[in-house]
């Protein structure tokens, strides 16, 4: 694996942990695709730093469990905003 890919995977993992960021937020911040972020933290990071991979996985699991709530809140805001106009 190339050095810059390993560095990116570690940077992405640290960003996710520090900010409790979602895959989508992280992809936007680093200018890569969601697939790249996912592959970096699920496959590549385990080979580089298993401990960091575990902590990152814990944050992503929390985000995944809250995903349906965030979607509902976004929809609610959307329709409340429409009504106000």
C-alpha atoms as a PDB file:
ATOM      1  CA  UNK A   1       0.000   0.000   0.000  1.00  0.00           C
ATOM      2  CA  UNK A   2       1.293   3.441  -0.870  1.00  0.00           C
ATOM      3  CA  UNK A   3       2.376   5.759   1.927  1.00  0.00           C
ATOM      4  CA  UNK A   4      -0.069   8.540   1.104  1.00  0.00           C
ATOM      5  CA  UNK A   5      -2.981   6.099   1.307  1.00  0.00           C
ATOM      6  CA  UNK A   6      -1.878   4.932   4.749  1.00  0.00           C
ATOM      7  CA  UNK A   7      -1.489   8.534   5.921  1.00  0.00           C
ATOM      8  CA  UNK A   8      -4.918   9.439   4.552  1.00  0.00           C
ATOM      9  CA  UNK A   9      -6.530   6.461   6.293  1.00  0.00           C
ATOM     10  CA  UNK A  10      -5.043   7.488   9.647  1.00  0.00           C
ATOM     11  CA  UNK A  11      -6.010  11.157   9.141  1.00  0.00           C
ATOM     12  CA  UNK A  12      -9.551  10.148   8.211  1.00  0.00           C
ATOM     13  CA  UNK A  13      -9.847   7.909  11.269  1.00  0.00           C
ATOM     14  CA  UNK A  14      -8.596  10.643  13.592  1.00  0.00           C
ATOM     15  CA  UNK A  15     -11.028  13.141  12.045  1.00  0.00           C
ATOM     16  CA  UNK A  16     -13.959  10.761  12.510  1.00  0.00           C
ATOM     17  CA  UNK A  17     -13.052  10.103  16.144  1.00  0.00           C
ATOM     18  CA  UNK A  18     -12.383  13.734  17.080  1.00  0.00           C
ATOM     19  CA  UNK A  19     -15.503  15.123  15.401  1.00  0.00           C
ATOM     20  CA  UNK A  20     -17.880  12.139  15.623  1.00  0.00           C
ATOM     21  CA  UNK A  21     -18.182  12.725  11.895  1.00  0.00           C
ATOM     22  CA  UNK A  22     -20.207  10.664   9.486  1.00  0.00           C
ATOM     23  CA  UNK A  23     -18.738   9.052   6.388  1.00  0.00           C
ATOM     24  CA  UNK A  24     -20.447  11.692   4.247  1.00  0.00           C
ATOM     25  CA  UNK A  25     -19.037  14.594   6.282  1.00  0.00           C
ATOM     26  CA  UNK A  26     -15.572  13.049   6.228  1.00  0.00           C
ATOM     27  CA  UNK A  27     -15.660  12.460   2.481  1.00  0.00           C
ATOM     28  CA  UNK A  28     -16.613  16.065   1.871  1.00  0.00           C
ATOM     29  CA  UNK A  29     -13.869  17.341   4.207  1.00  0.00           C
ATOM     30  CA  UNK A  30     -11.112  15.260   2.560  1.00  0.00           C
ATOM     31  CA  UNK A  31     -12.370  15.578  -1.007  1.00  0.00           C
ATOM     32  CA  UNK A  32     -12.740  11.850  -1.592  1.00  0.00           C
ATOM     33  CA  UNK A  33     -15.714   9.589  -2.193  1.00  0.00           C
ATOM     34  CA  UNK A  34     -17.759   7.949   0.547  1.00  0.00           C
ATOM     35  CA  UNK A  35     -16.582   4.598  -0.800  1.00  0.00           C
ATOM     36  CA  UNK A  36     -12.956   5.630  -0.323  1.00  0.00           C
ATOM     37  CA  UNK A  37     -13.594   6.739   3.262  1.00  0.00           C
ATOM     38  CA  UNK A  38     -15.404   3.495   4.008  1.00  0.00           C
ATOM     39  CA  UNK A  39     -12.659   1.361   2.467  1.00  0.00           C
ATOM     40  CA  UNK A  40      -9.945   3.318   4.294  1.00  0.00           C
ATOM     41  CA  UNK A  41     -11.494   2.822   7.721  1.00  0.00           C
ATOM     42  CA  UNK A  42     -12.855  -0.710   7.326  1.00  0.00           C
ATOM     43  CA  UNK A  43     -10.153  -2.487   5.332  1.00  0.00           C
ATOM     44  CA  UNK A  44      -6.932  -0.521   5.166  1.00  0.00           C
ATOM     45  CA  UNK A  45      -6.877   0.845   8.706  1.00  0.00           C
ATOM     46  CA  UNK A  46      -7.133  -2.621  10.260  1.00  0.00           C
ATOM     47  CA  UNK A  47      -3.791  -3.505   8.653  1.00  0.00           C
ATOM     48  CA  UNK A  48      -2.182  -0.198   9.651  1.00  0.00           C
ATOM     49  CA  UNK A  49      -3.477   0.369  13.200  1.00  0.00           C
ATOM     50  CA  UNK A  50      -6.044  -2.099  14.596  1.00  0.00           C
ATOM     51  CA  UNK A  51      -6.652  -0.085  17.780  1.00  0.00           C
ATOM     52  CA  UNK A  52      -7.468   3.071  15.853  1.00  0.00           C
ATOM     53  CA  UNK A  53      -9.662   1.021  13.527  1.00  0.00           C
ATOM     54  CA  UNK A  54     -11.663  -0.244  16.501  1.00  0.00           C
ATOM     55  CA  UNK A  55     -12.248   3.232  17.902  1.00  0.00           C
ATOM     56  CA  UNK A  56     -13.270   4.495  14.467  1.00  0.00           C
ATOM     57  CA  UNK A  57     -15.651   1.576  13.995  1.00  0.00           C
ATOM     58  CA  UNK A  58     -17.318   2.415  17.332  1.00  0.00           C
ATOM     59  CA  UNK A  59     -18.026   6.003  16.187  1.00  0.00           C
ATOM     60  CA  UNK A  60     -19.344   4.816  12.826  1.00  0.00           C
ATOM     61  CA  UNK A  61     -21.590   2.251  14.521  1.00  0.00           C
ATOM     62  CA  UNK A  62     -23.121   4.990  16.699  1.00  0.00           C
ATOM     63  CA  UNK A  63     -23.650   7.156  13.611  1.00  0.00           C
ATOM     64  CA  UNK A  64     -25.299   4.258  11.813  1.00  0.00           C
ATOM     65  CA  UNK A  65     -27.635   3.571  14.728  1.00  0.00           C
ATOM     66  CA  UNK A  66     -28.706   7.242  14.769  1.00  0.00           C
ATOM     67  CA  UNK A  67     -29.062   7.576  11.002  1.00  0.00           C
ATOM     68  CA  UNK A  68     -32.825   7.146  10.908  1.00  0.00           C
ATOM     69  CA  UNK A  69     -33.274   9.832  13.557  1.00  0.00           C
ATOM     70  CA  UNK A  70     -31.156  12.355  11.638  1.00  0.00           C
ATOM     71  CA  UNK A  71     -33.136  11.663   8.482  1.00  0.00           C
ATOM     72  CA  UNK A  72     -36.423  12.235  10.279  1.00  0.00           C
ATOM     73  CA  UNK A  73     -35.181  15.495  11.774  1.00  0.00           C
ATOM     74  CA  UNK A  74     -34.007  16.729   8.366  1.00  0.00           C
ATOM     75  CA  UNK A  75     -37.385  15.942   6.825  1.00  0.00           C
ATOM     76  CA  UNK A  76     -39.176  17.703   9.676  1.00  0.00           C
ATOM     77  CA  UNK A  77     -37.039  20.817   9.231  1.00  0.00           C
ATOM     78  CA  UNK A  78     -37.656  20.754   5.499  1.00  0.00           C
ATOM     79  CA  UNK A  79     -41.422  20.837   5.898  1.00  0.00           C
ATOM     80  CA  UNK A  80     -41.376  23.347   8.751  1.00  0.00           C
ATOM     81  CA  UNK A  81     -39.309  25.657   6.565  1.00  0.00           C
ATOM     82  CA  UNK A  82     -41.776  25.262   3.667  1.00  0.00           C
ATOM     83  CA  UNK A  83     -44.695  26.171   5.899  1.00  0.00           C
ATOM     84  CA  UNK A  84     -42.969  29.331   7.140  1.00  0.00           C
ATOM     85  CA  UNK A  85     -42.527  30.705   3.605  1.00  0.00           C
END
